[in-house]
Each structure stands twice: as C-alpha cells, then as structure tokens.
N, C-alpha and C. Protein backbone atom coordinates (compact mmCIF):
# COMPACT_ATOMS: atom_id res chain seq x y z
N MET A 1 0.66 -22.14 -23.27
CA MET A 1 1.92 -22.14 -24.03
C MET A 1 1.92 -22.99 -25.27
N PRO A 2 2.34 -22.58 -26.43
CA PRO A 2 2.35 -23.30 -27.48
C PRO A 2 3.23 -24.53 -27.36
N GLU A 3 2.90 -25.47 -28.16
CA GLU A 3 3.68 -26.83 -28.07
C GLU A 3 5.14 -26.47 -28.67
N GLY A 4 6.11 -27.18 -28.03
CA GLY A 4 7.29 -26.94 -28.65
C GLY A 4 8.24 -25.89 -28.01
N THR A 5 7.51 -24.96 -27.14
CA THR A 5 8.24 -23.97 -26.53
C THR A 5 8.51 -24.22 -25.20
N ARG A 6 9.69 -23.79 -24.67
CA ARG A 6 10.00 -23.88 -23.29
C ARG A 6 9.74 -22.60 -22.47
N PRO A 7 9.43 -22.82 -21.31
CA PRO A 7 9.38 -21.55 -20.55
C PRO A 7 10.84 -21.03 -20.18
N GLU A 8 10.82 -19.56 -20.06
CA GLU A 8 12.11 -19.05 -19.89
C GLU A 8 12.67 -19.42 -18.35
N PRO A 9 13.91 -19.71 -18.29
CA PRO A 9 14.43 -20.08 -16.86
C PRO A 9 14.23 -19.04 -15.96
N VAL A 10 13.94 -19.27 -14.72
CA VAL A 10 13.90 -18.20 -13.72
C VAL A 10 15.14 -18.07 -13.01
N ASP A 11 15.71 -16.73 -12.86
CA ASP A 11 16.89 -16.59 -12.28
C ASP A 11 16.65 -16.47 -10.62
N PRO A 12 17.21 -17.31 -9.99
CA PRO A 12 16.96 -17.29 -8.41
C PRO A 12 17.41 -15.99 -7.90
N ALA A 13 18.45 -15.39 -8.35
CA ALA A 13 18.99 -14.02 -7.84
C ALA A 13 17.94 -13.00 -8.07
N GLU A 14 17.33 -13.05 -9.17
CA GLU A 14 16.28 -12.12 -9.59
C GLU A 14 15.06 -12.27 -8.86
N VAL A 15 14.55 -13.38 -8.35
CA VAL A 15 13.46 -13.66 -7.55
C VAL A 15 13.81 -13.14 -6.19
N ALA A 16 14.98 -13.49 -5.67
CA ALA A 16 15.30 -13.07 -4.37
C ALA A 16 15.38 -11.49 -4.13
N ASN A 17 15.82 -10.92 -5.26
CA ASN A 17 15.75 -9.49 -5.42
C ASN A 17 14.49 -8.93 -5.36
N SER A 18 13.53 -9.50 -6.16
CA SER A 18 12.13 -9.07 -6.20
C SER A 18 11.55 -9.12 -4.85
N ARG A 19 11.78 -10.23 -4.01
CA ARG A 19 11.13 -10.41 -2.76
C ARG A 19 11.73 -9.52 -1.84
N LEU A 20 12.95 -9.11 -1.87
CA LEU A 20 13.64 -8.25 -0.98
C LEU A 20 13.14 -6.69 -1.29
N VAL A 21 12.94 -6.40 -2.38
CA VAL A 21 12.36 -5.00 -2.81
C VAL A 21 10.90 -5.02 -2.29
N THR A 22 10.25 -6.01 -2.46
CA THR A 22 8.85 -6.11 -2.02
C THR A 22 8.76 -5.95 -0.49
N ALA A 23 9.69 -6.69 0.30
CA ALA A 23 9.77 -6.45 1.61
C ALA A 23 10.07 -5.04 2.10
N VAL A 24 10.89 -4.35 1.40
CA VAL A 24 11.24 -2.94 1.66
C VAL A 24 10.00 -2.03 1.30
N LEU A 25 9.21 -2.42 0.31
CA LEU A 25 8.01 -1.70 -0.04
C LEU A 25 6.97 -1.81 1.13
N VAL A 26 6.87 -2.97 1.82
CA VAL A 26 6.03 -3.34 2.93
C VAL A 26 6.44 -2.55 4.08
N VAL A 27 7.61 -2.52 4.38
CA VAL A 27 8.29 -1.67 5.47
C VAL A 27 7.97 -0.18 5.33
N ASP A 28 8.12 0.25 4.06
CA ASP A 28 7.85 1.57 3.56
C ASP A 28 6.40 1.90 3.90
N ALA A 29 5.45 1.06 3.55
CA ALA A 29 4.03 1.29 3.88
C ALA A 29 3.64 1.44 5.36
N VAL A 30 4.57 0.56 6.17
CA VAL A 30 4.15 0.62 7.53
C VAL A 30 4.73 2.10 8.00
N LEU A 31 5.84 2.37 7.53
CA LEU A 31 6.42 3.78 8.02
C LEU A 31 5.66 4.94 7.50
N LEU A 32 5.27 4.84 6.31
CA LEU A 32 4.31 5.87 5.79
C LEU A 32 3.07 5.97 6.63
N ALA A 33 2.43 4.94 6.94
CA ALA A 33 1.15 4.89 7.77
C ALA A 33 1.53 5.50 9.13
N MET A 34 2.56 5.20 9.82
CA MET A 34 2.89 5.77 11.05
C MET A 34 2.97 7.34 10.98
N MET A 35 3.77 7.82 9.82
CA MET A 35 3.98 9.11 9.64
C MET A 35 2.64 9.79 9.31
N GLU A 36 1.90 9.23 8.46
CA GLU A 36 0.51 9.79 8.25
C GLU A 36 -0.42 10.04 9.59
N LEU A 37 -0.31 9.03 10.39
CA LEU A 37 -1.15 9.24 11.67
C LEU A 37 -0.50 10.43 12.43
N MET A 38 0.76 10.39 12.48
CA MET A 38 1.40 11.53 13.37
C MET A 38 1.03 12.91 12.82
N PHE A 39 0.90 13.00 11.57
CA PHE A 39 0.63 14.36 10.95
C PHE A 39 -0.80 14.58 10.65
N LEU A 40 -1.73 13.59 11.09
CA LEU A 40 -3.16 13.56 10.83
C LEU A 40 -3.76 14.91 11.31
N GLN A 41 -3.39 15.36 12.55
CA GLN A 41 -4.04 16.54 13.15
C GLN A 41 -3.24 17.76 12.79
N LEU A 42 -2.51 17.86 11.73
CA LEU A 42 -1.69 19.09 11.37
C LEU A 42 -2.71 20.22 11.11
N MET A 43 -2.56 21.34 11.78
CA MET A 43 -3.31 22.53 11.56
C MET A 43 -2.30 23.81 11.25
N ILE A 44 -2.87 24.68 10.45
CA ILE A 44 -2.44 26.04 10.22
C ILE A 44 -3.36 27.08 10.89
N GLY A 45 -3.20 27.48 11.99
CA GLY A 45 -4.04 28.21 12.78
C GLY A 45 -5.08 27.28 13.36
N SER A 46 -6.37 27.59 12.82
CA SER A 46 -7.55 26.66 13.33
C SER A 46 -8.00 25.80 12.17
N VAL A 47 -7.43 25.80 10.99
CA VAL A 47 -7.72 25.03 9.82
C VAL A 47 -6.99 23.72 9.70
N PRO A 48 -7.57 22.61 9.73
CA PRO A 48 -6.91 21.39 9.47
C PRO A 48 -6.36 21.34 8.02
N VAL A 49 -5.11 20.78 7.98
CA VAL A 49 -4.37 20.54 6.60
C VAL A 49 -4.33 19.04 6.48
N PRO A 50 -4.93 18.62 5.33
CA PRO A 50 -4.85 17.10 5.18
C PRO A 50 -3.73 16.57 4.38
N LEU A 51 -2.53 16.95 5.01
CA LEU A 51 -1.34 16.55 4.34
C LEU A 51 -1.12 15.04 4.33
N SER A 52 -1.62 14.38 5.53
CA SER A 52 -1.58 12.96 5.58
C SER A 52 -2.21 12.29 4.42
N ALA A 53 -3.54 12.73 4.11
CA ALA A 53 -4.30 12.18 3.01
C ALA A 53 -3.63 12.18 1.65
N LEU A 54 -3.01 13.40 1.57
CA LEU A 54 -2.29 13.65 0.20
C LEU A 54 -1.17 12.67 0.07
N VAL A 55 -0.38 12.43 1.16
CA VAL A 55 0.71 11.51 1.10
C VAL A 55 0.20 10.04 0.83
N ALA A 56 -0.97 9.72 1.41
CA ALA A 56 -1.57 8.40 1.22
C ALA A 56 -2.15 8.30 -0.15
N LEU A 57 -2.59 9.32 -0.64
CA LEU A 57 -3.22 9.29 -2.00
C LEU A 57 -2.16 8.98 -3.09
N ILE A 58 -0.95 9.49 -2.85
CA ILE A 58 0.13 9.39 -3.76
C ILE A 58 0.97 8.05 -3.47
N SER A 59 1.11 7.81 -2.20
CA SER A 59 2.00 6.71 -2.00
C SER A 59 1.55 5.33 -1.97
N ASN A 60 0.31 5.17 -1.57
CA ASN A 60 -0.22 3.82 -1.56
C ASN A 60 -0.43 3.10 -2.92
N PRO A 61 -1.01 3.82 -3.88
CA PRO A 61 -1.10 3.26 -5.26
C PRO A 61 0.26 2.91 -5.90
N TRP A 62 1.19 3.88 -5.62
CA TRP A 62 2.57 3.46 -6.18
C TRP A 62 3.09 2.28 -5.55
N LEU A 63 2.98 2.16 -4.25
CA LEU A 63 3.60 0.82 -3.64
C LEU A 63 2.82 -0.34 -3.98
N VAL A 64 1.47 -0.33 -4.28
CA VAL A 64 0.84 -1.38 -4.70
C VAL A 64 1.27 -1.73 -6.23
N ARG A 65 1.25 -0.66 -7.06
CA ARG A 65 1.61 -1.11 -8.39
C ARG A 65 3.10 -1.62 -8.48
N ARG A 66 4.13 -0.93 -7.85
CA ARG A 66 5.39 -1.39 -7.80
C ARG A 66 5.55 -2.85 -7.31
N ALA A 67 4.86 -3.12 -6.21
CA ALA A 67 4.93 -4.56 -5.74
C ALA A 67 4.26 -5.45 -6.65
N GLY A 68 3.32 -5.08 -7.27
CA GLY A 68 2.67 -6.11 -8.30
C GLY A 68 3.40 -6.32 -9.46
N GLU A 69 4.31 -5.25 -9.82
CA GLU A 69 5.25 -5.46 -11.04
C GLU A 69 6.32 -6.47 -10.66
N LEU A 70 6.74 -6.44 -9.25
CA LEU A 70 7.82 -7.30 -8.85
C LEU A 70 7.40 -8.85 -8.58
N THR A 71 6.27 -8.86 -7.88
CA THR A 71 5.95 -10.28 -7.44
C THR A 71 4.58 -10.78 -7.75
N GLY A 72 3.80 -10.04 -8.37
CA GLY A 72 2.48 -10.45 -8.79
C GLY A 72 1.38 -10.11 -7.91
N ALA A 73 0.24 -10.76 -8.03
CA ALA A 73 -1.04 -10.30 -7.25
C ALA A 73 -0.71 -10.39 -5.60
N VAL A 74 -0.23 -11.31 -5.19
CA VAL A 74 0.02 -11.51 -3.86
C VAL A 74 0.89 -10.49 -3.28
N GLY A 75 1.86 -10.31 -3.99
CA GLY A 75 2.90 -9.26 -3.64
C GLY A 75 2.30 -7.86 -3.54
N ALA A 76 1.36 -7.69 -4.59
CA ALA A 76 0.68 -6.29 -4.77
C ALA A 76 -0.11 -6.00 -3.66
N ALA A 77 -0.74 -7.01 -3.01
CA ALA A 77 -1.57 -6.75 -1.82
C ALA A 77 -0.83 -6.49 -0.56
N LEU A 78 0.36 -7.03 -0.56
CA LEU A 78 1.16 -6.83 0.86
C LEU A 78 1.31 -5.38 1.39
N PRO A 79 1.80 -4.38 0.52
CA PRO A 79 1.80 -3.04 1.14
C PRO A 79 0.52 -2.51 1.57
N LEU A 80 -0.58 -2.75 0.79
CA LEU A 80 -1.95 -2.23 1.21
C LEU A 80 -2.20 -2.90 2.52
N ILE A 81 -2.08 -4.23 2.67
CA ILE A 81 -2.62 -4.85 3.92
C ILE A 81 -1.65 -4.28 5.17
N ALA A 82 -0.36 -4.26 4.84
CA ALA A 82 0.39 -3.64 5.95
C ALA A 82 0.01 -2.17 6.32
N TRP A 83 -0.39 -1.32 5.32
CA TRP A 83 -0.88 -0.09 5.57
C TRP A 83 -2.22 -0.08 6.55
N ILE A 84 -2.92 -1.03 6.05
CA ILE A 84 -4.25 -1.03 6.66
C ILE A 84 -4.06 -1.57 8.19
N VAL A 85 -3.24 -2.47 8.38
CA VAL A 85 -2.98 -3.17 9.76
C VAL A 85 -2.38 -2.03 10.55
N THR A 86 -1.51 -1.27 10.03
CA THR A 86 -0.78 -0.19 10.81
C THR A 86 -1.65 0.96 11.22
N ILE A 87 -2.54 1.34 10.19
CA ILE A 87 -3.40 2.55 10.55
C ILE A 87 -4.46 1.91 11.57
N SER A 88 -4.97 0.68 11.46
CA SER A 88 -5.94 0.35 12.37
C SER A 88 -5.31 0.08 13.76
N VAL A 89 -4.21 -0.49 13.85
CA VAL A 89 -3.63 -0.76 15.30
C VAL A 89 -3.10 0.47 15.96
N LEU A 90 -2.40 1.34 15.26
CA LEU A 90 -2.03 2.55 15.88
C LEU A 90 -3.03 3.57 15.88
N GLY A 91 -3.87 3.58 14.86
CA GLY A 91 -4.81 4.66 15.03
C GLY A 91 -6.05 4.43 15.99
N LEU A 92 -6.27 3.11 16.35
CA LEU A 92 -7.38 2.87 17.20
C LEU A 92 -6.85 2.54 18.61
N SER A 93 -5.59 2.13 18.72
CA SER A 93 -5.07 1.82 20.14
C SER A 93 -3.59 2.27 20.07
N GLY A 94 -3.29 3.62 19.76
CA GLY A 94 -2.00 3.97 19.53
C GLY A 94 -1.09 3.90 20.76
N PRO A 95 0.06 4.56 20.49
CA PRO A 95 1.05 4.55 21.63
C PRO A 95 0.50 5.13 22.92
N GLY A 96 0.62 4.38 24.04
CA GLY A 96 0.03 4.84 25.38
C GLY A 96 -1.38 4.71 25.52
N GLY A 97 -2.01 4.01 24.55
CA GLY A 97 -3.49 3.86 24.47
C GLY A 97 -4.18 5.17 23.91
N ASP A 98 -3.39 6.04 23.25
CA ASP A 98 -4.03 7.18 22.54
C ASP A 98 -4.81 6.77 21.27
N VAL A 99 -5.89 7.39 21.14
CA VAL A 99 -6.61 7.26 19.83
C VAL A 99 -6.21 8.28 18.81
N LEU A 100 -5.60 7.91 17.75
CA LEU A 100 -5.14 8.93 16.83
C LEU A 100 -6.14 9.13 15.68
N LEU A 101 -6.92 8.17 15.43
CA LEU A 101 -8.12 8.22 14.37
C LEU A 101 -9.37 8.73 15.13
N LEU A 102 -9.53 10.02 14.98
CA LEU A 102 -10.77 10.64 15.57
C LEU A 102 -11.96 10.53 14.65
N GLY A 103 -13.07 10.94 15.10
CA GLY A 103 -14.28 10.74 14.21
C GLY A 103 -14.40 11.95 13.43
N ASP A 104 -13.40 12.55 12.77
CA ASP A 104 -13.62 13.81 12.11
C ASP A 104 -13.23 13.57 10.69
N TRP A 105 -13.44 14.76 9.92
CA TRP A 105 -13.25 14.51 8.33
C TRP A 105 -11.75 14.30 7.95
N PRO A 106 -10.65 14.80 8.65
CA PRO A 106 -9.43 14.37 8.22
C PRO A 106 -9.03 12.91 8.47
N SER A 107 -9.62 12.31 9.50
CA SER A 107 -9.39 10.88 9.61
C SER A 107 -10.05 10.17 8.44
N MET A 108 -11.27 10.55 8.16
CA MET A 108 -12.06 9.73 7.26
C MET A 108 -11.32 10.00 5.83
N LEU A 109 -10.91 11.17 5.61
CA LEU A 109 -10.15 11.40 4.32
C LEU A 109 -8.90 10.75 4.17
N LEU A 110 -8.24 10.53 5.27
CA LEU A 110 -6.96 9.71 5.12
C LEU A 110 -7.36 8.19 4.84
N ILE A 111 -8.31 7.64 5.51
CA ILE A 111 -8.66 6.26 5.22
C ILE A 111 -9.21 6.07 3.71
N LEU A 112 -9.92 7.02 3.37
CA LEU A 112 -10.35 6.93 1.98
C LEU A 112 -9.35 7.16 0.80
N ALA A 113 -8.53 8.12 1.17
CA ALA A 113 -7.46 8.44 0.16
C ALA A 113 -6.35 7.34 0.25
N GLY A 114 -6.26 6.65 1.49
CA GLY A 114 -5.24 5.45 1.35
C GLY A 114 -5.78 4.23 0.66
N LEU A 115 -7.17 4.03 1.02
CA LEU A 115 -7.75 2.70 0.53
C LEU A 115 -8.22 2.62 -0.92
N VAL A 116 -8.96 3.73 -1.30
CA VAL A 116 -9.77 3.67 -2.57
C VAL A 116 -8.80 3.56 -3.75
N PRO A 117 -7.80 4.56 -3.88
CA PRO A 117 -6.97 4.53 -5.09
C PRO A 117 -6.09 3.16 -5.09
N ALA A 118 -5.63 2.97 -3.99
CA ALA A 118 -4.76 1.57 -3.92
C ALA A 118 -5.58 0.33 -4.21
N ALA A 119 -6.77 0.39 -3.78
CA ALA A 119 -7.70 -0.87 -4.14
C ALA A 119 -7.97 -0.82 -5.60
N PHE A 120 -8.15 0.30 -6.33
CA PHE A 120 -8.28 0.29 -7.77
C PHE A 120 -7.01 -0.23 -8.44
N VAL A 121 -5.93 0.19 -8.06
CA VAL A 121 -4.60 -0.27 -8.61
C VAL A 121 -4.53 -1.64 -8.33
N LEU A 122 -4.77 -2.15 -7.16
CA LEU A 122 -4.67 -3.62 -6.87
C LEU A 122 -5.62 -4.50 -7.82
N GLY A 123 -6.80 -3.85 -8.07
CA GLY A 123 -7.78 -4.53 -8.98
C GLY A 123 -7.21 -4.54 -10.44
N ARG A 124 -6.46 -3.46 -10.84
CA ARG A 124 -5.85 -3.45 -12.18
C ARG A 124 -4.80 -4.51 -12.19
N VAL A 125 -3.84 -4.66 -11.20
CA VAL A 125 -2.88 -5.69 -11.17
C VAL A 125 -3.43 -7.10 -11.21
N LEU A 126 -4.47 -7.35 -10.44
CA LEU A 126 -5.14 -8.66 -10.48
C LEU A 126 -5.72 -8.87 -11.94
N ARG A 127 -6.41 -7.98 -12.43
CA ARG A 127 -6.91 -8.11 -13.75
C ARG A 127 -5.89 -8.24 -14.82
N THR A 128 -4.85 -7.62 -14.80
CA THR A 128 -3.80 -7.83 -15.79
C THR A 128 -3.05 -9.22 -15.60
N ARG A 129 -2.85 -9.62 -14.29
CA ARG A 129 -2.28 -10.97 -14.23
C ARG A 129 -3.21 -12.02 -14.72
N ARG A 130 -4.63 -11.88 -14.38
CA ARG A 130 -5.57 -12.87 -14.94
C ARG A 130 -5.55 -12.87 -16.35
N THR A 131 -5.51 -11.80 -16.99
CA THR A 131 -5.54 -11.74 -18.44
C THR A 131 -4.26 -12.34 -19.09
N ALA A 132 -3.08 -12.11 -18.42
CA ALA A 132 -1.92 -12.66 -18.89
C ALA A 132 -1.79 -14.22 -18.68
N ALA A 133 -2.45 -14.58 -17.62
CA ALA A 133 -2.53 -16.17 -17.32
C ALA A 133 -3.30 -16.79 -18.30
N SER A 134 -4.45 -16.14 -18.72
CA SER A 134 -5.43 -16.90 -19.64
C SER A 134 -4.93 -16.97 -21.01
N ARG A 135 -3.97 -16.26 -21.35
CA ARG A 135 -3.35 -16.29 -22.86
C ARG A 135 -2.60 -17.58 -23.04
C-alpha cells in the first residue's frame, strides 16, 4: 500500500452478508450433492443417463467462484469441501447402510465432474488472491 493512503473501511454489515451468503452456498453444495447421489443411477431403458455429473459439472465451479468472490480463498474452498464430505459420507455409507457410489462409470464421472472443474476454479481464485495481495 503506498504511503499516505488509508485502507478503505470495512462495513460490518457487508461482511456479515458475505458470510451469510457463503453459508447458503455451502448448504446448497450439500443439498446438490445429496440430489446428485439420488439421481446417480438414473436410466432410460437400460442406458444410464449421467444427469448427476452434468449438474455437478455446472454447479460446483459456480459455487466455488461465487464463494471466492464473497469471502476469499478460504470461503471459496468451503462449498467444495462440503460437496466432497457429503458425497463421501452418503455415497459410501448412505441412508440405511446403502452404498450409493458403485464401482461403475456414472459414479466415477460424477466424482470427476464435481472435483476437477471446481478445483481449477479454486486454483484460479487462489492465484487471483495471491496476485492481488502481492501488489
């Protein structure tokens, strides 16, 4: 920061609003992971339809990017962490002991479509924050 300049004051209401919206994004990630697991074995006839992977492919990067815009690097990781934990817990020891993540290609596609794009977006958020902090 150049000498003689003051940092802009932080509005406490804006910080609280950002945290609230980030919490809603984390809850949304959990609910989306639950929905994706429930529709994982969706089939038309005998053909699996990877609708869950498509939803994860679109929603997870958006949730990470939006949380990063609101709260920074730590906040950006929260929706992705919530999604991973939900998929892991419910997919491997689901309701009533059911295993929802089977060893088939729709399950692998869901995990890859949910993790890889969101991880790239998280890396971009971290890189942007690091670049802005070094200026």
